[in-house]
Amino acid sequence: MNILLAPFIFFSVVPIVPFLLVYMIHYIWNGKRNRRKSLLLAVDVTTVFLILSVSALFNQIFASGFGFYLIMLLLLIIGGLIGGAQNRMKGQVDVKRLVRAVWRLAFLGAGFAYIVFVIIGFFPYILGV
């Protein structure tokens, strides 16, 4: 069990590593043809690790256990807003595009939150507070 858990924890703590690994492996595997596809796959895989990392950082900084649930709530709200906009514009909701849009927005939001929370978390550690 630890054999599977240790890399998962490492990838959650340092989410740039799975991004680079997936990007490079996919890019090399496909014969260096499609950078965009490699980038999007790396984004999709890394989002899981970013969400877990941001929720753990949120829980650590704010001394709560609500981080993961807050992220899921935000993703549901964003999905509802995008789905509502799709329904108004096209008359129907394309679930595949909706999930893809929410997932990619989650990557952007979690990436930004990760950077902010790491900076916020290191200041008290460095200052010895």
N, C-alpha and C. Protein backbone atom coordinates (compact mmCIF):
# COMPACT_ATOMS: atom_id res chain seq x y z
N MET A 1 0.82 -1.21 0.00
CA MET A 1 0.00 0.00 0.00
C MET A 1 0.86 1.26 0.00
N ASN A 2 1.96 1.25 0.77
CA ASN A 2 2.84 2.41 0.82
C ASN A 2 3.51 2.67 -0.52
N ILE A 3 3.67 1.62 -1.31
CA ILE A 3 4.31 1.78 -2.61
C ILE A 3 3.46 2.67 -3.51
N LEU A 4 2.16 2.56 -3.41
CA LEU A 4 1.27 3.40 -4.21
C LEU A 4 1.02 4.76 -3.56
N LEU A 5 1.02 4.78 -2.25
CA LEU A 5 0.68 6.01 -1.53
C LEU A 5 1.81 7.04 -1.57
N ALA A 6 3.05 6.60 -1.47
CA ALA A 6 4.19 7.53 -1.42
C ALA A 6 4.31 8.39 -2.67
N PRO A 7 4.25 7.82 -3.89
CA PRO A 7 4.33 8.71 -5.07
C PRO A 7 3.13 9.65 -5.17
N PHE A 8 1.96 9.17 -4.78
CA PHE A 8 0.76 10.01 -4.83
C PHE A 8 0.91 11.21 -3.90
N ILE A 9 1.43 10.98 -2.72
CA ILE A 9 1.65 12.08 -1.77
C ILE A 9 2.71 13.03 -2.30
N PHE A 10 3.79 12.48 -2.87
CA PHE A 10 4.84 13.33 -3.42
C PHE A 10 4.30 14.20 -4.55
N PHE A 11 3.51 13.60 -5.45
CA PHE A 11 2.95 14.36 -6.56
C PHE A 11 1.96 15.41 -6.08
N SER A 12 1.30 15.16 -4.96
CA SER A 12 0.38 16.16 -4.41
C SER A 12 1.12 17.33 -3.77
N VAL A 13 2.26 17.03 -3.18
CA VAL A 13 3.04 18.09 -2.53
C VAL A 13 3.75 18.95 -3.57
N VAL A 14 4.23 18.34 -4.63
CA VAL A 14 4.95 19.05 -5.69
C VAL A 14 4.23 18.78 -7.02
N PRO A 15 3.12 19.48 -7.29
CA PRO A 15 2.31 19.15 -8.47
C PRO A 15 2.94 19.50 -9.82
N ILE A 16 4.05 20.21 -9.82
CA ILE A 16 4.72 20.48 -11.10
C ILE A 16 5.38 19.22 -11.64
N VAL A 17 5.74 18.29 -10.77
CA VAL A 17 6.41 17.06 -11.20
C VAL A 17 5.49 16.20 -12.07
N PRO A 18 4.24 15.91 -11.65
CA PRO A 18 3.40 15.11 -12.55
C PRO A 18 3.09 15.85 -13.85
N PHE A 19 3.00 17.17 -13.78
CA PHE A 19 2.76 17.93 -15.00
C PHE A 19 3.89 17.71 -16.00
N LEU A 20 5.11 17.88 -15.54
CA LEU A 20 6.26 17.72 -16.42
C LEU A 20 6.41 16.28 -16.90
N LEU A 21 6.19 15.31 -15.99
CA LEU A 21 6.29 13.90 -16.37
C LEU A 21 5.28 13.53 -17.46
N VAL A 22 4.03 13.88 -17.25
CA VAL A 22 2.99 13.53 -18.22
C VAL A 22 3.25 14.24 -19.54
N TYR A 23 3.62 15.50 -19.48
CA TYR A 23 3.89 16.25 -20.71
C TYR A 23 5.02 15.62 -21.50
N MET A 24 6.14 15.35 -20.82
CA MET A 24 7.30 14.81 -21.54
C MET A 24 7.03 13.40 -22.06
N ILE A 25 6.41 12.55 -21.26
CA ILE A 25 6.14 11.17 -21.70
C ILE A 25 5.19 11.18 -22.89
N HIS A 26 4.12 11.95 -22.81
CA HIS A 26 3.16 12.00 -23.92
C HIS A 26 3.78 12.63 -25.16
N TYR A 27 4.58 13.65 -24.96
CA TYR A 27 5.21 14.34 -26.09
C TYR A 27 6.19 13.41 -26.81
N ILE A 28 6.99 12.69 -26.06
CA ILE A 28 7.95 11.76 -26.65
C ILE A 28 7.24 10.55 -27.24
N TRP A 29 6.23 10.04 -26.54
CA TRP A 29 5.49 8.85 -26.97
C TRP A 29 4.82 9.08 -28.33
N ASN A 30 4.33 10.26 -28.55
CA ASN A 30 3.63 10.57 -29.81
C ASN A 30 4.57 11.09 -30.89
N GLY A 31 5.84 10.93 -30.73
CA GLY A 31 6.78 11.33 -31.76
C GLY A 31 6.91 12.83 -31.94
N LYS A 32 6.69 13.59 -30.89
CA LYS A 32 6.85 15.05 -30.92
C LYS A 32 5.98 15.72 -31.97
N ARG A 33 4.78 15.23 -32.12
CA ARG A 33 3.88 15.78 -33.14
C ARG A 33 2.92 16.82 -32.60
N ASN A 34 2.37 16.56 -31.44
CA ASN A 34 1.26 17.39 -31.00
C ASN A 34 1.52 17.94 -29.59
N ARG A 35 2.08 19.12 -29.52
CA ARG A 35 2.38 19.74 -28.22
C ARG A 35 1.10 20.09 -27.47
N ARG A 36 0.11 20.57 -28.18
CA ARG A 36 -1.14 20.98 -27.54
C ARG A 36 -1.82 19.82 -26.83
N LYS A 37 -1.87 18.67 -27.49
CA LYS A 37 -2.49 17.50 -26.89
C LYS A 37 -1.72 17.05 -25.65
N SER A 38 -0.40 17.11 -25.71
CA SER A 38 0.44 16.76 -24.56
C SER A 38 0.19 17.73 -23.40
N LEU A 39 0.10 19.01 -23.73
CA LEU A 39 -0.14 20.02 -22.70
C LEU A 39 -1.50 19.82 -22.04
N LEU A 40 -2.53 19.59 -22.83
CA LEU A 40 -3.87 19.42 -22.26
C LEU A 40 -3.97 18.16 -21.41
N LEU A 41 -3.32 17.08 -21.82
CA LEU A 41 -3.32 15.87 -21.00
C LEU A 41 -2.59 16.12 -19.68
N ALA A 42 -1.46 16.82 -19.74
CA ALA A 42 -0.72 17.15 -18.53
C ALA A 42 -1.56 18.02 -17.59
N VAL A 43 -2.29 18.97 -18.15
CA VAL A 43 -3.18 19.82 -17.35
C VAL A 43 -4.26 18.98 -16.69
N ASP A 44 -4.87 18.07 -17.45
CA ASP A 44 -5.94 17.25 -16.90
C ASP A 44 -5.46 16.35 -15.76
N VAL A 45 -4.30 15.76 -15.91
CA VAL A 45 -3.77 14.87 -14.87
C VAL A 45 -3.35 15.67 -13.64
N THR A 46 -2.71 16.80 -13.86
CA THR A 46 -2.19 17.60 -12.75
C THR A 46 -3.30 18.24 -11.92
N THR A 47 -4.45 18.45 -12.51
CA THR A 47 -5.56 19.08 -11.78
C THR A 47 -5.92 18.29 -10.52
N VAL A 48 -5.90 16.98 -10.60
CA VAL A 48 -6.21 16.15 -9.43
C VAL A 48 -5.24 16.47 -8.30
N PHE A 49 -3.96 16.48 -8.62
CA PHE A 49 -2.94 16.73 -7.60
C PHE A 49 -3.02 18.17 -7.07
N LEU A 50 -3.33 19.11 -7.93
CA LEU A 50 -3.47 20.49 -7.48
C LEU A 50 -4.65 20.65 -6.52
N ILE A 51 -5.77 20.01 -6.84
CA ILE A 51 -6.94 20.11 -5.97
C ILE A 51 -6.62 19.54 -4.60
N LEU A 52 -5.99 18.39 -4.56
CA LEU A 52 -5.63 17.79 -3.27
C LEU A 52 -4.62 18.64 -2.51
N SER A 53 -3.66 19.18 -3.23
CA SER A 53 -2.64 20.00 -2.59
C SER A 53 -3.22 21.31 -2.05
N VAL A 54 -4.07 21.95 -2.84
CA VAL A 54 -4.67 23.21 -2.39
C VAL A 54 -5.59 22.97 -1.20
N SER A 55 -6.33 21.89 -1.23
CA SER A 55 -7.21 21.61 -0.08
C SER A 55 -6.40 21.35 1.18
N ALA A 56 -5.27 20.65 1.06
CA ALA A 56 -4.42 20.41 2.22
C ALA A 56 -3.79 21.71 2.72
N LEU A 57 -3.33 22.55 1.79
CA LEU A 57 -2.76 23.84 2.19
C LEU A 57 -3.80 24.73 2.85
N PHE A 58 -5.02 24.73 2.31
CA PHE A 58 -6.11 25.51 2.90
C PHE A 58 -6.37 25.03 4.33
N ASN A 59 -6.45 23.72 4.51
CA ASN A 59 -6.69 23.16 5.84
C ASN A 59 -5.56 23.51 6.80
N GLN A 60 -4.33 23.50 6.32
CA GLN A 60 -3.19 23.81 7.18
C GLN A 60 -3.15 25.30 7.55
N ILE A 61 -3.36 26.17 6.59
CA ILE A 61 -3.25 27.60 6.84
C ILE A 61 -4.40 28.10 7.71
N PHE A 62 -5.61 27.66 7.43
CA PHE A 62 -6.77 28.16 8.15
C PHE A 62 -7.24 27.24 9.26
N ALA A 63 -6.47 26.20 9.56
CA ALA A 63 -6.77 25.24 10.64
C ALA A 63 -8.21 24.75 10.57
N SER A 64 -8.57 24.23 9.39
CA SER A 64 -9.93 23.72 9.22
C SER A 64 -9.85 22.40 8.45
N GLY A 65 -10.97 21.75 8.30
CA GLY A 65 -11.06 20.53 7.52
C GLY A 65 -12.00 20.70 6.34
N PHE A 66 -12.21 21.95 5.95
CA PHE A 66 -13.23 22.27 4.96
C PHE A 66 -12.68 22.49 3.56
N GLY A 67 -11.37 22.43 3.38
CA GLY A 67 -10.73 22.79 2.12
C GLY A 67 -11.23 22.02 0.92
N PHE A 68 -11.25 20.70 1.01
CA PHE A 68 -11.68 19.87 -0.12
C PHE A 68 -13.14 20.14 -0.46
N TYR A 69 -13.97 20.27 0.56
CA TYR A 69 -15.39 20.51 0.33
C TYR A 69 -15.64 21.89 -0.28
N LEU A 70 -14.85 22.86 0.12
CA LEU A 70 -14.96 24.20 -0.47
C LEU A 70 -14.62 24.17 -1.95
N ILE A 71 -13.56 23.46 -2.30
CA ILE A 71 -13.17 23.36 -3.71
C ILE A 71 -14.27 22.66 -4.51
N MET A 72 -14.81 21.57 -3.97
CA MET A 72 -15.88 20.86 -4.68
C MET A 72 -17.12 21.75 -4.83
N LEU A 73 -17.44 22.52 -3.79
CA LEU A 73 -18.57 23.44 -3.87
C LEU A 73 -18.35 24.48 -4.96
N LEU A 74 -17.14 25.04 -5.02
CA LEU A 74 -16.83 26.02 -6.05
C LEU A 74 -16.92 25.41 -7.45
N LEU A 75 -16.44 24.18 -7.61
CA LEU A 75 -16.52 23.52 -8.91
C LEU A 75 -17.97 23.28 -9.32
N LEU A 76 -18.82 22.91 -8.36
CA LEU A 76 -20.24 22.72 -8.67
C LEU A 76 -20.91 24.04 -9.05
N ILE A 77 -20.58 25.10 -8.35
CA ILE A 77 -21.15 26.40 -8.68
C ILE A 77 -20.71 26.85 -10.07
N ILE A 78 -19.42 26.70 -10.35
CA ILE A 78 -18.91 27.07 -11.68
C ILE A 78 -19.58 26.22 -12.75
N GLY A 79 -19.73 24.92 -12.49
CA GLY A 79 -20.41 24.05 -13.45
C GLY A 79 -21.84 24.48 -13.69
N GLY A 80 -22.53 24.88 -12.63
CA GLY A 80 -23.90 25.35 -12.78
C GLY A 80 -23.99 26.63 -13.59
N LEU A 81 -23.05 27.53 -13.35
CA LEU A 81 -23.06 28.79 -14.10
C LEU A 81 -22.74 28.55 -15.58
N ILE A 82 -21.75 27.74 -15.86
CA ILE A 82 -21.40 27.46 -17.26
C ILE A 82 -22.52 26.67 -17.94
N GLY A 83 -23.10 25.71 -17.22
CA GLY A 83 -24.21 24.94 -17.78
C GLY A 83 -25.42 25.82 -18.07
N GLY A 84 -25.70 26.75 -17.18
CA GLY A 84 -26.80 27.68 -17.41
C GLY A 84 -26.56 28.56 -18.61
N ALA A 85 -25.31 29.02 -18.76
CA ALA A 85 -24.97 29.85 -19.92
C ALA A 85 -25.08 29.05 -21.21
N GLN A 86 -24.64 27.80 -21.18
CA GLN A 86 -24.76 26.94 -22.37
C GLN A 86 -26.22 26.73 -22.73
N ASN A 87 -27.03 26.51 -21.72
CA ASN A 87 -28.46 26.27 -21.96
C ASN A 87 -29.13 27.49 -22.56
N ARG A 88 -28.79 28.68 -22.07
CA ARG A 88 -29.37 29.90 -22.62
C ARG A 88 -28.91 30.16 -24.04
N MET A 89 -27.64 29.88 -24.32
CA MET A 89 -27.09 30.20 -25.64
C MET A 89 -27.45 29.16 -26.70
N LYS A 90 -27.41 27.89 -26.36
CA LYS A 90 -27.59 26.85 -27.36
C LYS A 90 -28.88 26.06 -27.18
N GLY A 91 -29.55 26.23 -26.06
CA GLY A 91 -30.79 25.50 -25.82
C GLY A 91 -30.57 24.12 -25.23
N GLN A 92 -29.32 23.69 -25.11
CA GLN A 92 -29.01 22.41 -24.49
C GLN A 92 -27.62 22.48 -23.88
N VAL A 93 -27.33 21.54 -22.99
CA VAL A 93 -26.04 21.52 -22.31
C VAL A 93 -25.22 20.37 -22.88
N ASP A 94 -24.04 20.70 -23.36
CA ASP A 94 -23.09 19.68 -23.82
C ASP A 94 -22.24 19.30 -22.60
N VAL A 95 -22.55 18.14 -22.02
CA VAL A 95 -21.94 17.74 -20.76
C VAL A 95 -20.43 17.57 -20.90
N LYS A 96 -19.99 17.01 -22.01
CA LYS A 96 -18.56 16.80 -22.20
C LYS A 96 -17.80 18.13 -22.20
N ARG A 97 -18.31 19.11 -22.92
CA ARG A 97 -17.66 20.43 -22.94
C ARG A 97 -17.76 21.11 -21.58
N LEU A 98 -18.88 20.92 -20.90
CA LEU A 98 -19.06 21.51 -19.57
C LEU A 98 -18.03 20.97 -18.59
N VAL A 99 -17.89 19.66 -18.54
CA VAL A 99 -16.94 19.04 -17.62
C VAL A 99 -15.51 19.45 -17.97
N ARG A 100 -15.19 19.48 -19.25
CA ARG A 100 -13.86 19.88 -19.69
C ARG A 100 -13.58 21.33 -19.29
N ALA A 101 -14.55 22.21 -19.47
CA ALA A 101 -14.36 23.63 -19.12
C ALA A 101 -14.17 23.80 -17.61
N VAL A 102 -14.98 23.11 -16.82
CA VAL A 102 -14.86 23.21 -15.36
C VAL A 102 -13.52 22.65 -14.91
N TRP A 103 -13.09 21.54 -15.49
CA TRP A 103 -11.84 20.91 -15.11
C TRP A 103 -10.64 21.80 -15.44
N ARG A 104 -10.68 22.43 -16.60
CA ARG A 104 -9.56 23.30 -16.99
C ARG A 104 -9.56 24.59 -16.16
N LEU A 105 -10.74 25.10 -15.84
CA LEU A 105 -10.81 26.26 -14.94
C LEU A 105 -10.33 25.88 -13.54
N ALA A 106 -10.60 24.64 -13.14
CA ALA A 106 -10.11 24.17 -11.84
C ALA A 106 -8.59 24.16 -11.83
N PHE A 107 -7.99 23.78 -12.95
CA PHE A 107 -6.52 23.81 -13.03
C PHE A 107 -6.01 25.23 -12.85
N LEU A 108 -6.59 26.18 -13.54
CA LEU A 108 -6.15 27.57 -13.42
C LEU A 108 -6.34 28.10 -12.00
N GLY A 109 -7.53 27.88 -11.46
CA GLY A 109 -7.81 28.37 -10.11
C GLY A 109 -6.96 27.69 -9.05
N ALA A 110 -6.82 26.37 -9.16
CA ALA A 110 -6.02 25.65 -8.18
C ALA A 110 -4.54 25.98 -8.32
N GLY A 111 -4.08 26.20 -9.54
CA GLY A 111 -2.69 26.60 -9.73
C GLY A 111 -2.40 27.94 -9.08
N PHE A 112 -3.29 28.88 -9.29
CA PHE A 112 -3.14 30.20 -8.66
C PHE A 112 -3.22 30.08 -7.14
N ALA A 113 -4.21 29.33 -6.64
CA ALA A 113 -4.37 29.16 -5.19
C ALA A 113 -3.16 28.45 -4.59
N TYR A 114 -2.60 27.49 -5.32
CA TYR A 114 -1.42 26.78 -4.82
C TYR A 114 -0.26 27.75 -4.61
N ILE A 115 -0.02 28.60 -5.59
CA ILE A 115 1.08 29.57 -5.48
C ILE A 115 0.84 30.52 -4.31
N VAL A 116 -0.38 31.03 -4.20
CA VAL A 116 -0.71 31.96 -3.11
C VAL A 116 -0.58 31.27 -1.75
N PHE A 117 -1.11 30.06 -1.62
CA PHE A 117 -1.07 29.36 -0.33
C PHE A 117 0.35 28.94 0.05
N VAL A 118 1.16 28.60 -0.93
CA VAL A 118 2.56 28.26 -0.61
C VAL A 118 3.28 29.49 -0.09
N ILE A 119 3.05 30.62 -0.73
CA ILE A 119 3.69 31.87 -0.26
C ILE A 119 3.18 32.23 1.13
N ILE A 120 1.87 32.15 1.34
CA ILE A 120 1.31 32.46 2.66
C ILE A 120 1.81 31.48 3.70
N GLY A 121 1.93 30.21 3.34
CA GLY A 121 2.36 29.20 4.30
C GLY A 121 3.83 29.29 4.65
N PHE A 122 4.66 29.79 3.75
CA PHE A 122 6.09 29.85 4.03
C PHE A 122 6.48 31.05 4.89
N PHE A 123 5.74 32.13 4.82
CA PHE A 123 6.10 33.31 5.62
C PHE A 123 6.12 33.02 7.12
N PRO A 124 5.09 32.43 7.69
CA PRO A 124 5.18 32.11 9.13
C PRO A 124 6.28 31.10 9.43
N TYR A 125 6.53 30.17 8.52
CA TYR A 125 7.57 29.17 8.72
C TYR A 125 8.95 29.82 8.72
N ILE A 126 9.17 30.73 7.79
CA ILE A 126 10.47 31.40 7.70
C ILE A 126 10.68 32.35 8.88
N LEU A 127 9.62 33.09 9.23
CA LEU A 127 9.74 34.05 10.32
C LEU A 127 9.70 33.41 11.69
N GLY A 128 9.38 32.12 11.76
CA GLY A 128 9.36 31.41 13.04
C GLY A 128 8.15 31.73 13.90
N VAL A 129 7.06 32.13 13.26
CA VAL A 129 5.86 32.48 14.03
C VAL A 129 5.10 31.24 14.39
